[in-house]
Amino acid sequence: MSSWLLLGGLAASAFLSATVLPGNSELALGALLLQRPELLWPALLVATVANALGSISSLWLGRCVPPKPLPPRAAAWFERFGPAALWL
């Protein structure tokens, strides 16, 4: 199988795993490296860049969604405990 095709599949897996879709790009990376160990550095570079781009797209999607107001009880918790309310 072509190196470009393998790296493209890894890029797709890493990109989609970093978005709202579930996935395990680590498994794809491991499978690729078991089949073609000579692609270690290109595979790491492709996986890193694609994962970062997927994270940026998730951030962009999150910023496009209009915020909705907190329920009064949750707002009171944040008012009372601040950021520690996330642990409660």
PDB file of N, CA and C in Angstrom:
ATOM      1  N   MET A   1       0.855  -1.184   0.000  1.00  0.00           N
ATOM      2  CA  MET A   1       0.000   0.000   0.000  1.00  0.00           C
ATOM      3  C   MET A   1       0.895   1.239   0.000  1.00  0.00           C
ATOM      4  N   SER A   2       0.477   2.271  -0.665  1.00  0.00           N
ATOM      5  CA  SER A   2       1.254   3.486  -0.808  1.00  0.00           C
ATOM      6  C   SER A   2       1.423   4.211   0.536  1.00  0.00           C
ATOM      7  N   SER A   3       2.610   4.779   0.732  1.00  0.00           N
ATOM      8  CA  SER A   3       2.874   5.543   1.957  1.00  0.00           C
ATOM      9  C   SER A   3       1.930   6.727   2.072  1.00  0.00           C
ATOM     10  N   TRP A   4       1.644   7.356   0.942  1.00  0.00           N
ATOM     11  CA  TRP A   4       0.752   8.522   0.964  1.00  0.00           C
ATOM     12  C   TRP A   4      -0.659   8.139   1.391  1.00  0.00           C
ATOM     13  N   LEU A   5      -1.109   6.994   0.961  1.00  0.00           N
ATOM     14  CA  LEU A   5      -2.438   6.528   1.331  1.00  0.00           C
ATOM     15  C   LEU A   5      -2.501   6.189   2.830  1.00  0.00           C
ATOM     16  N   LEU A   6      -1.463   5.539   3.321  1.00  0.00           N
ATOM     17  CA  LEU A   6      -1.401   5.218   4.753  1.00  0.00           C
ATOM     18  C   LEU A   6      -1.370   6.481   5.610  1.00  0.00           C
ATOM     19  N   LEU A   7      -0.537   7.432   5.215  1.00  0.00           N
ATOM     20  CA  LEU A   7      -0.431   8.685   5.974  1.00  0.00           C
ATOM     21  C   LEU A   7      -1.722   9.503   5.863  1.00  0.00           C
ATOM     22  N   GLY A   8      -2.394   9.430   4.721  1.00  0.00           N
ATOM     23  CA  GLY A   8      -3.682  10.115   4.566  1.00  0.00           C
ATOM     24  C   GLY A   8      -4.742   9.535   5.478  1.00  0.00           C
ATOM     25  N   GLY A   9      -4.770   8.200   5.585  1.00  0.00           N
ATOM     26  CA  GLY A   9      -5.705   7.558   6.503  1.00  0.00           C
ATOM     27  C   GLY A   9      -5.410   7.913   7.950  1.00  0.00           C
ATOM     28  N   LEU A  10      -4.128   7.981   8.278  1.00  0.00           N
ATOM     29  CA  LEU A  10      -3.742   8.388   9.631  1.00  0.00           C
ATOM     30  C   LEU A  10      -4.163   9.826   9.890  1.00  0.00           C
ATOM     31  N   ALA A  11      -3.984  10.703   8.906  1.00  0.00           N
ATOM     32  CA  ALA A  11      -4.386  12.102   9.060  1.00  0.00           C
ATOM     33  C   ALA A  11      -5.898  12.204   9.269  1.00  0.00           C
ATOM     34  N   ALA A  12      -6.662  11.452   8.510  1.00  0.00           N
ATOM     35  CA  ALA A  12      -8.118  11.485   8.673  1.00  0.00           C
ATOM     36  C   ALA A  12      -8.515  10.985  10.053  1.00  0.00           C
ATOM     37  N   SER A  13      -7.882   9.916  10.501  1.00  0.00           N
ATOM     38  CA  SER A  13      -8.195   9.370  11.824  1.00  0.00           C
ATOM     39  C   SER A  13      -7.829  10.361  12.926  1.00  0.00           C
ATOM     40  N   ALA A  14      -6.667  10.983  12.827  1.00  0.00           N
ATOM     41  CA  ALA A  14      -6.234  11.939  13.848  1.00  0.00           C
ATOM     42  C   ALA A  14      -7.120  13.181  13.847  1.00  0.00           C
ATOM     43  N   PHE A  15      -7.478  13.667  12.670  1.00  0.00           N
ATOM     44  CA  PHE A  15      -8.340  14.848  12.580  1.00  0.00           C
ATOM     45  C   PHE A  15      -9.701  14.570  13.188  1.00  0.00           C
ATOM     46  N   LEU A  16     -10.319  13.467  12.788  1.00  0.00           N
ATOM     47  CA  LEU A  16     -11.665  13.145  13.276  1.00  0.00           C
ATOM     48  C   LEU A  16     -11.669  12.810  14.762  1.00  0.00           C
ATOM     49  N   SER A  17     -10.598  12.205  15.259  1.00  0.00           N
ATOM     50  CA  SER A  17     -10.529  11.877  16.683  1.00  0.00           C
ATOM     51  C   SER A  17     -10.422  13.127  17.550  1.00  0.00           C
ATOM     52  N   ALA A  18      -9.928  14.209  16.998  1.00  0.00           N
ATOM     53  CA  ALA A  18      -9.794  15.447  17.756  1.00  0.00           C
ATOM     54  C   ALA A  18     -11.051  16.305  17.683  1.00  0.00           C
ATOM     55  N   THR A  19     -12.023  15.894  16.890  1.00  0.00           N
ATOM     56  CA  THR A  19     -13.278  16.648  16.800  1.00  0.00           C
ATOM     57  C   THR A  19     -14.314  16.001  17.701  1.00  0.00           C
ATOM     58  N   VAL A  20     -15.574  16.320  17.486  1.00  0.00           N
ATOM     59  CA  VAL A  20     -16.645  15.789  18.314  1.00  0.00           C
ATOM     60  C   VAL A  20     -16.940  14.318  18.009  1.00  0.00           C
ATOM     61  N   LEU A  21     -16.346  13.766  16.957  1.00  0.00           N
ATOM     62  CA  LEU A  21     -16.558  12.358  16.619  1.00  0.00           C
ATOM     63  C   LEU A  21     -15.617  11.485  17.446  1.00  0.00           C
ATOM     64  N   PRO A  22     -16.104  10.375  17.949  1.00  0.00           N
ATOM     65  CA  PRO A  22     -15.221   9.503  18.729  1.00  0.00           C
ATOM     66  C   PRO A  22     -14.263   8.733  17.823  1.00  0.00           C
ATOM     67  N   GLY A  23     -13.110   8.432  18.348  1.00  0.00           N
ATOM     68  CA  GLY A  23     -12.144   7.666  17.579  1.00  0.00           C
ATOM     69  C   GLY A  23     -10.872   7.465  18.369  1.00  0.00           C
ATOM     70  N   ASN A  24     -10.040   6.564  17.881  1.00  0.00           N
ATOM     71  CA  ASN A  24      -8.746   6.289  18.504  1.00  0.00           C
ATOM     72  C   ASN A  24      -7.658   6.387  17.443  1.00  0.00           C
ATOM     73  N   SER A  25      -7.119   7.572  17.279  1.00  0.00           N
ATOM     74  CA  SER A  25      -6.059   7.727  16.291  1.00  0.00           C
ATOM     75  C   SER A  25      -4.776   7.038  16.748  1.00  0.00           C
ATOM     76  N   GLU A  26      -4.647   6.792  18.043  1.00  0.00           N
ATOM     77  CA  GLU A  26      -3.455   6.094  18.545  1.00  0.00           C
ATOM     78  C   GLU A  26      -3.396   4.672  17.984  1.00  0.00           C
ATOM     79  N   LEU A  27      -4.564   4.051  17.865  1.00  0.00           N
ATOM     80  CA  LEU A  27      -4.601   2.697  17.284  1.00  0.00           C
ATOM     81  C   LEU A  27      -4.189   2.728  15.820  1.00  0.00           C
ATOM     82  N   ALA A  28      -4.641   3.738  15.104  1.00  0.00           N
ATOM     83  CA  ALA A  28      -4.264   3.858  13.690  1.00  0.00           C
ATOM     84  C   ALA A  28      -2.760   4.100  13.568  1.00  0.00           C
ATOM     85  N   LEU A  29      -2.216   4.934  14.450  1.00  0.00           N
ATOM     86  CA  LEU A  29      -0.774   5.208  14.426  1.00  0.00           C
ATOM     87  C   LEU A  29       0.003   3.933  14.737  1.00  0.00           C
ATOM     88  N   GLY A  30      -0.426   3.201  15.759  1.00  0.00           N
ATOM     89  CA  GLY A  30       0.251   1.957  16.104  1.00  0.00           C
ATOM     90  C   GLY A  30       0.197   0.930  14.985  1.00  0.00           C
ATOM     91  N   ALA A  31      -0.971   0.797  14.351  1.00  0.00           N
ATOM     92  CA  ALA A  31      -1.116  -0.159  13.247  1.00  0.00           C
ATOM     93  C   ALA A  31      -0.229   0.241  12.070  1.00  0.00           C
ATOM     94  N   LEU A  32      -0.173   1.527  11.779  1.00  0.00           N
ATOM     95  CA  LEU A  32       0.670   1.985  10.679  1.00  0.00           C
ATOM     96  C   LEU A  32       2.137   1.692  10.979  1.00  0.00           C
ATOM     97  N   LEU A  33       2.563   1.947  12.210  1.00  0.00           N
ATOM     98  CA  LEU A  33       3.972   1.739  12.554  1.00  0.00           C
ATOM     99  C   LEU A  33       4.333   0.256  12.633  1.00  0.00           C
ATOM    100  N   LEU A  34       3.368  -0.600  12.958  1.00  0.00           N
ATOM    101  CA  LEU A  34       3.638  -2.036  12.917  1.00  0.00           C
ATOM    102  C   LEU A  34       3.850  -2.519  11.485  1.00  0.00           C
ATOM    103  N   GLN A  35       3.085  -1.932  10.567  1.00  0.00           N
ATOM    104  CA  GLN A  35       3.185  -2.337   9.162  1.00  0.00           C
ATOM    105  C   GLN A  35       4.388  -1.692   8.478  1.00  0.00           C
ATOM    106  N   ARG A  36       4.620  -0.421   8.786  1.00  0.00           N
ATOM    107  CA  ARG A  36       5.694   0.336   8.112  1.00  0.00           C
ATOM    108  C   ARG A  36       6.505   1.141   9.130  1.00  0.00           C
ATOM    109  N   PRO A  37       7.410   0.526   9.885  1.00  0.00           N
ATOM    110  CA  PRO A  37       8.172   1.237  10.919  1.00  0.00           C
ATOM    111  C   PRO A  37       9.063   2.350  10.370  1.00  0.00           C
ATOM    112  N   GLU A  38       9.401   2.300   9.102  1.00  0.00           N
ATOM    113  CA  GLU A  38      10.250   3.351   8.527  1.00  0.00           C
ATOM    114  C   GLU A  38       9.515   4.689   8.401  1.00  0.00           C
ATOM    115  N   LEU A  39       8.206   4.682   8.600  1.00  0.00           N
ATOM    116  CA  LEU A  39       7.415   5.922   8.515  1.00  0.00           C
ATOM    117  C   LEU A  39       7.220   6.579   9.882  1.00  0.00           C
ATOM    118  N   LEU A  40       8.085   6.265  10.848  1.00  0.00           N
ATOM    119  CA  LEU A  40       7.912   6.780  12.202  1.00  0.00           C
ATOM    120  C   LEU A  40       7.793   8.292  12.228  1.00  0.00           C
ATOM    121  N   TRP A  41       8.789   9.004  11.742  1.00  0.00           N
ATOM    122  CA  TRP A  41       8.775  10.469  11.858  1.00  0.00           C
ATOM    123  C   TRP A  41       7.722  11.134  10.982  1.00  0.00           C
ATOM    124  N   PRO A  42       7.536  10.711   9.725  1.00  0.00           N
ATOM    125  CA  PRO A  42       6.423  11.295   8.955  1.00  0.00           C
ATOM    126  C   PRO A  42       5.063  11.025   9.591  1.00  0.00           C
ATOM    127  N   ALA A  43       4.887   9.818  10.160  1.00  0.00           N
ATOM    128  CA  ALA A  43       3.607   9.483  10.789  1.00  0.00           C
ATOM    129  C   ALA A  43       3.370  10.345  12.023  1.00  0.00           C
ATOM    130  N   LEU A  44       4.399  10.549  12.831  1.00  0.00           N
ATOM    131  CA  LEU A  44       4.249  11.398  14.015  1.00  0.00           C
ATOM    132  C   LEU A  44       3.933  12.839  13.623  1.00  0.00           C
ATOM    133  N   LEU A  45       4.581  13.320  12.579  1.00  0.00           N
ATOM    134  CA  LEU A  45       4.323  14.690  12.117  1.00  0.00           C
ATOM    135  C   LEU A  45       2.895  14.817  11.588  1.00  0.00           C
ATOM    136  N   VAL A  46       2.472  13.882  10.761  1.00  0.00           N
ATOM    137  CA  VAL A  46       1.122  13.918  10.183  1.00  0.00           C
ATOM    138  C   VAL A  46       0.074  13.825  11.289  1.00  0.00           C
ATOM    139  N   ALA A  47       0.258  12.897  12.230  1.00  0.00           N
ATOM    140  CA  ALA A  47      -0.712  12.722  13.316  1.00  0.00           C
ATOM    141  C   ALA A  47      -0.793  13.968  14.187  1.00  0.00           C
ATOM    142  N   THR A  48       0.350  14.584  14.469  1.00  0.00           N
ATOM    143  CA  THR A  48       0.370  15.786  15.304  1.00  0.00           C
ATOM    144  C   THR A  48      -0.339  16.951  14.635  1.00  0.00           C
ATOM    145  N   VAL A  49      -0.021  17.192  13.378  1.00  0.00           N
ATOM    146  CA  VAL A  49      -0.627  18.313  12.648  1.00  0.00           C
ATOM    147  C   VAL A  49      -2.129  18.094  12.463  1.00  0.00           C
ATOM    148  N   ALA A  50      -2.519  16.888  12.080  1.00  0.00           N
ATOM    149  CA  ALA A  50      -3.949  16.605  11.862  1.00  0.00           C
ATOM    150  C   ALA A  50      -4.727  16.704  13.175  1.00  0.00           C
ATOM    151  N   ASN A  51      -4.147  16.244  14.272  1.00  0.00           N
ATOM    152  CA  ASN A  51      -4.819  16.329  15.560  1.00  0.00           C
ATOM    153  C   ASN A  51      -4.966  17.786  15.990  1.00  0.00           C
ATOM    154  N   ALA A  52      -3.941  18.589  15.764  1.00  0.00           N
ATOM    155  CA  ALA A  52      -4.030  20.007  16.102  1.00  0.00           C
ATOM    156  C   ALA A  52      -5.097  20.706  15.258  1.00  0.00           C
ATOM    157  N   LEU A  53      -5.155  20.389  13.977  1.00  0.00           N
ATOM    158  CA  LEU A  53      -6.183  20.988  13.110  1.00  0.00           C
ATOM    159  C   LEU A  53      -7.581  20.554  13.524  1.00  0.00           C
ATOM    160  N   GLY A  54      -7.736  19.310  13.952  1.00  0.00           N
ATOM    161  CA  GLY A  54      -9.028  18.846  14.446  1.00  0.00           C
ATOM    162  C   GLY A  54      -9.436  19.572  15.718  1.00  0.00           C
ATOM    163  N   SER A  55      -8.477  19.819  16.599  1.00  0.00           N
ATOM    164  CA  SER A  55      -8.769  20.562  17.821  1.00  0.00           C
ATOM    165  C   SER A  55      -9.155  22.003  17.521  1.00  0.00           C
ATOM    166  N   ILE A  56      -8.479  22.609  16.560  1.00  0.00           N
ATOM    167  CA  ILE A  56      -8.811  23.979  16.166  1.00  0.00           C
ATOM    168  C   ILE A  56     -10.211  24.036  15.565  1.00  0.00           C
ATOM    169  N   SER A  57     -10.577  23.021  14.777  1.00  0.00           N
ATOM    170  CA  SER A  57     -11.927  23.017  14.203  1.00  0.00           C
ATOM    171  C   SER A  57     -12.982  22.852  15.300  1.00  0.00           C
ATOM    172  N   SER A  58     -12.688  22.066  16.339  1.00  0.00           N
ATOM    173  CA  SER A  58     -13.624  21.933  17.461  1.00  0.00           C
ATOM    174  C   SER A  58     -13.771  23.258  18.204  1.00  0.00           C
ATOM    175  N   LEU A  59     -12.670  23.950  18.381  1.00  0.00           N
ATOM    176  CA  LEU A  59     -12.714  25.259  19.029  1.00  0.00           C
ATOM    177  C   LEU A  59     -13.555  26.225  18.202  1.00  0.00           C
ATOM    178  N   TRP A  60     -13.355  26.225  16.896  1.00  0.00           N
ATOM    179  CA  TRP A  60     -14.120  27.104  16.019  1.00  0.00           C
ATOM    180  C   TRP A  60     -15.613  26.772  16.080  1.00  0.00           C
ATOM    181  N   LEU A  61     -15.940  25.469  16.051  1.00  0.00           N
ATOM    182  CA  LEU A  61     -17.342  25.070  16.136  1.00  0.00           C
ATOM    183  C   LEU A  61     -17.960  25.517  17.457  1.00  0.00           C
ATOM    184  N   GLY A  62     -17.205  25.391  18.537  1.00  0.00           N
ATOM    185  CA  GLY A  62     -17.706  25.813  19.839  1.00  0.00           C
ATOM    186  C   GLY A  62     -17.949  27.300  19.922  1.00  0.00           C
ATOM    187  N   ARG A  63     -17.153  28.065  19.227  1.00  0.00           N
ATOM    188  CA  ARG A  63     -17.335  29.526  19.247  1.00  0.00           C
ATOM    189  C   ARG A  63     -18.483  29.980  18.361  1.00  0.00           C
ATOM    190  N   CYS A  64     -18.883  29.140  17.418  1.00  0.00           N
ATOM    191  CA  CYS A  64     -20.003  29.484  16.537  1.00  0.00           C
ATOM    192  C   CYS A  64     -21.358  29.259  17.198  1.00  0.00           C
ATOM    193  N   VAL A  65     -21.376  28.428  18.225  1.00  0.00           N
ATOM    194  CA  VAL A  65     -22.633  28.120  18.910  1.00  0.00           C
ATOM    195  C   VAL A  65     -22.953  29.256  19.872  1.00  0.00           C
ATOM    196  N   PRO A  66     -24.156  29.825  19.798  1.00  0.00           N
ATOM    197  CA  PRO A  66     -24.476  30.914  20.725  1.00  0.00           C
ATOM    198  C   PRO A  66     -24.574  30.389  22.160  1.00  0.00           C
ATOM    199  N   PRO A  67     -24.049  31.158  23.116  1.00  0.00           N
ATOM    200  CA  PRO A  67     -24.111  30.696  24.503  1.00  0.00           C
ATOM    201  C   PRO A  67     -25.544  30.728  25.022  1.00  0.00           C
ATOM    202  N   LYS A  68     -25.874  29.767  25.859  1.00  0.00           N
ATOM    203  CA  LYS A  68     -27.190  29.789  26.468  1.00  0.00           C
ATOM    204  C   LYS A  68     -27.015  30.093  27.954  1.00  0.00           C
ATOM    205  N   PRO A  69     -27.969  30.781  28.550  1.00  0.00           N
ATOM    206  CA  PRO A  69     -27.808  31.174  29.948  1.00  0.00           C
ATOM    207  C   PRO A  69     -27.819  29.960  30.875  1.00  0.00           C
ATOM    208  N   LEU A  70     -27.066  30.079  31.964  1.00  0.00           N
ATOM    209  CA  LEU A  70     -27.034  29.015  32.959  1.00  0.00           C
ATOM    210  C   LEU A  70     -28.337  28.986  33.739  1.00  0.00           C
ATOM    211  N   PRO A  71     -28.748  27.814  34.169  1.00  0.00           N
ATOM    212  CA  PRO A  71     -29.899  27.758  35.075  1.00  0.00           C
ATOM    213  C   PRO A  71     -29.553  28.501  36.375  1.00  0.00           C
ATOM    214  N   PRO A  72     -30.534  29.082  37.030  1.00  0.00           N
ATOM    215  CA  PRO A  72     -30.254  29.883  38.227  1.00  0.00           C
ATOM    216  C   PRO A  72     -29.469  29.127  39.302  1.00  0.00           C
ATOM    217  N   ARG A  73     -29.775  27.839  39.476  1.00  0.00           N
ATOM    218  CA  ARG A  73     -29.067  27.079  40.513  1.00  0.00           C
ATOM    219  C   ARG A  73     -27.579  26.937  40.171  1.00  0.00           C
ATOM    220  N   ALA A  74     -27.279  26.650  38.909  1.00  0.00           N
ATOM    221  CA  ALA A  74     -25.881  26.529  38.488  1.00  0.00           C
ATOM    222  C   ALA A  74     -25.174  27.873  38.588  1.00  0.00           C
ATOM    223  N   ALA A  75     -25.848  28.937  38.202  1.00  0.00           N
ATOM    224  CA  ALA A  75     -25.252  30.268  38.312  1.00  0.00           C
ATOM    225  C   ALA A  75     -24.930  30.593  39.760  1.00  0.00           C
ATOM    226  N   ALA A  76     -25.806  30.194  40.690  1.00  0.00           N
ATOM    227  CA  ALA A  76     -25.556  30.440  42.112  1.00  0.00           C
ATOM    228  C   ALA A  76     -24.322  29.657  42.588  1.00  0.00           C
ATOM    229  N   TRP A  77     -24.164  28.416  42.109  1.00  0.00           N
ATOM    230  CA  TRP A  77     -22.986  27.626  42.478  1.00  0.00           C
ATOM    231  C   TRP A  77     -21.704  28.299  41.991  1.00  0.00           C
ATOM    232  N   PHE A  78     -21.714  28.779  40.752  1.00  0.00           N
ATOM    233  CA  PHE A  78     -20.528  29.448  40.227  1.00  0.00           C
ATOM    234  C   PHE A  78     -20.268  30.755  40.967  1.00  0.00           C
ATOM    235  N   GLU A  79     -21.316  31.444  41.329  1.00  0.00           N
ATOM    236  CA  GLU A  79     -21.173  32.683  42.091  1.00  0.00           C
ATOM    237  C   GLU A  79     -20.556  32.400  43.457  1.00  0.00           C
ATOM    238  N   ARG A  80     -20.981  31.313  44.069  1.00  0.00           N
ATOM    239  CA  ARG A  80     -20.533  30.992  45.428  1.00  0.00           C
ATOM    240  C   ARG A  80     -19.148  30.373  45.473  1.00  0.00           C
ATOM    241  N   PHE A  81     -18.880  29.395  44.578  1.00  0.00           N
ATOM    242  CA  PHE A  81     -17.635  28.644  44.643  1.00  0.00           C
ATOM    243  C   PHE A  81     -16.607  29.023  43.580  1.00  0.00           C
ATOM    244  N   GLY A  82     -16.984  29.769  42.581  1.00  0.00           N
ATOM    245  CA  GLY A  82     -16.057  30.144  41.520  1.00  0.00           C
ATOM    246  C   GLY A  82     -15.664  28.928  40.687  1.00  0.00           C
ATOM    247  N   PRO A  83     -14.420  28.908  40.185  1.00  0.00           N
ATOM    248  CA  PRO A  83     -13.972  27.784  39.347  1.00  0.00           C
ATOM    249  C   PRO A  83     -13.992  26.434  40.072  1.00  0.00           C
ATOM    250  N   ALA A  84     -13.925  26.443  41.406  1.00  0.00           N
ATOM    251  CA  ALA A  84     -13.952  25.186  42.151  1.00  0.00           C
ATOM    252  C   ALA A  84     -15.290  24.464  41.976  1.00  0.00           C
ATOM    253  N   ALA A  85     -16.321  25.161  41.514  1.00  0.00           N
ATOM    254  CA  ALA A  85     -17.624  24.533  41.301  1.00  0.00           C
ATOM    255  C   ALA A  85     -17.545  23.449  40.228  1.00  0.00           C
ATOM    256  N   LEU A  86     -16.561  23.509  39.366  1.00  0.00           N
ATOM    257  CA  LEU A  86     -16.401  22.480  38.339  1.00  0.00           C
ATOM    258  C   LEU A  86     -15.998  21.147  38.945  1.00  0.00           C
ATOM    259  N   TRP A  87     -15.406  21.156  40.115  1.00  0.00           N
ATOM    260  CA  TRP A  87     -14.984  19.922  40.784  1.00  0.00           C
ATOM    261  C   TRP A  87     -16.105  19.318  41.631  1.00  0.00           C
ATOM    262  N   LEU A  88     -17.148  20.094  41.901  1.00  0.00           N
ATOM    263  CA  LEU A  88     -18.211  19.620  42.782  1.00  0.00           C
ATOM    264  C   LEU A  88     -19.273  18.854  42.037  1.00  0.00           C
TER     265      LEU A  88
END
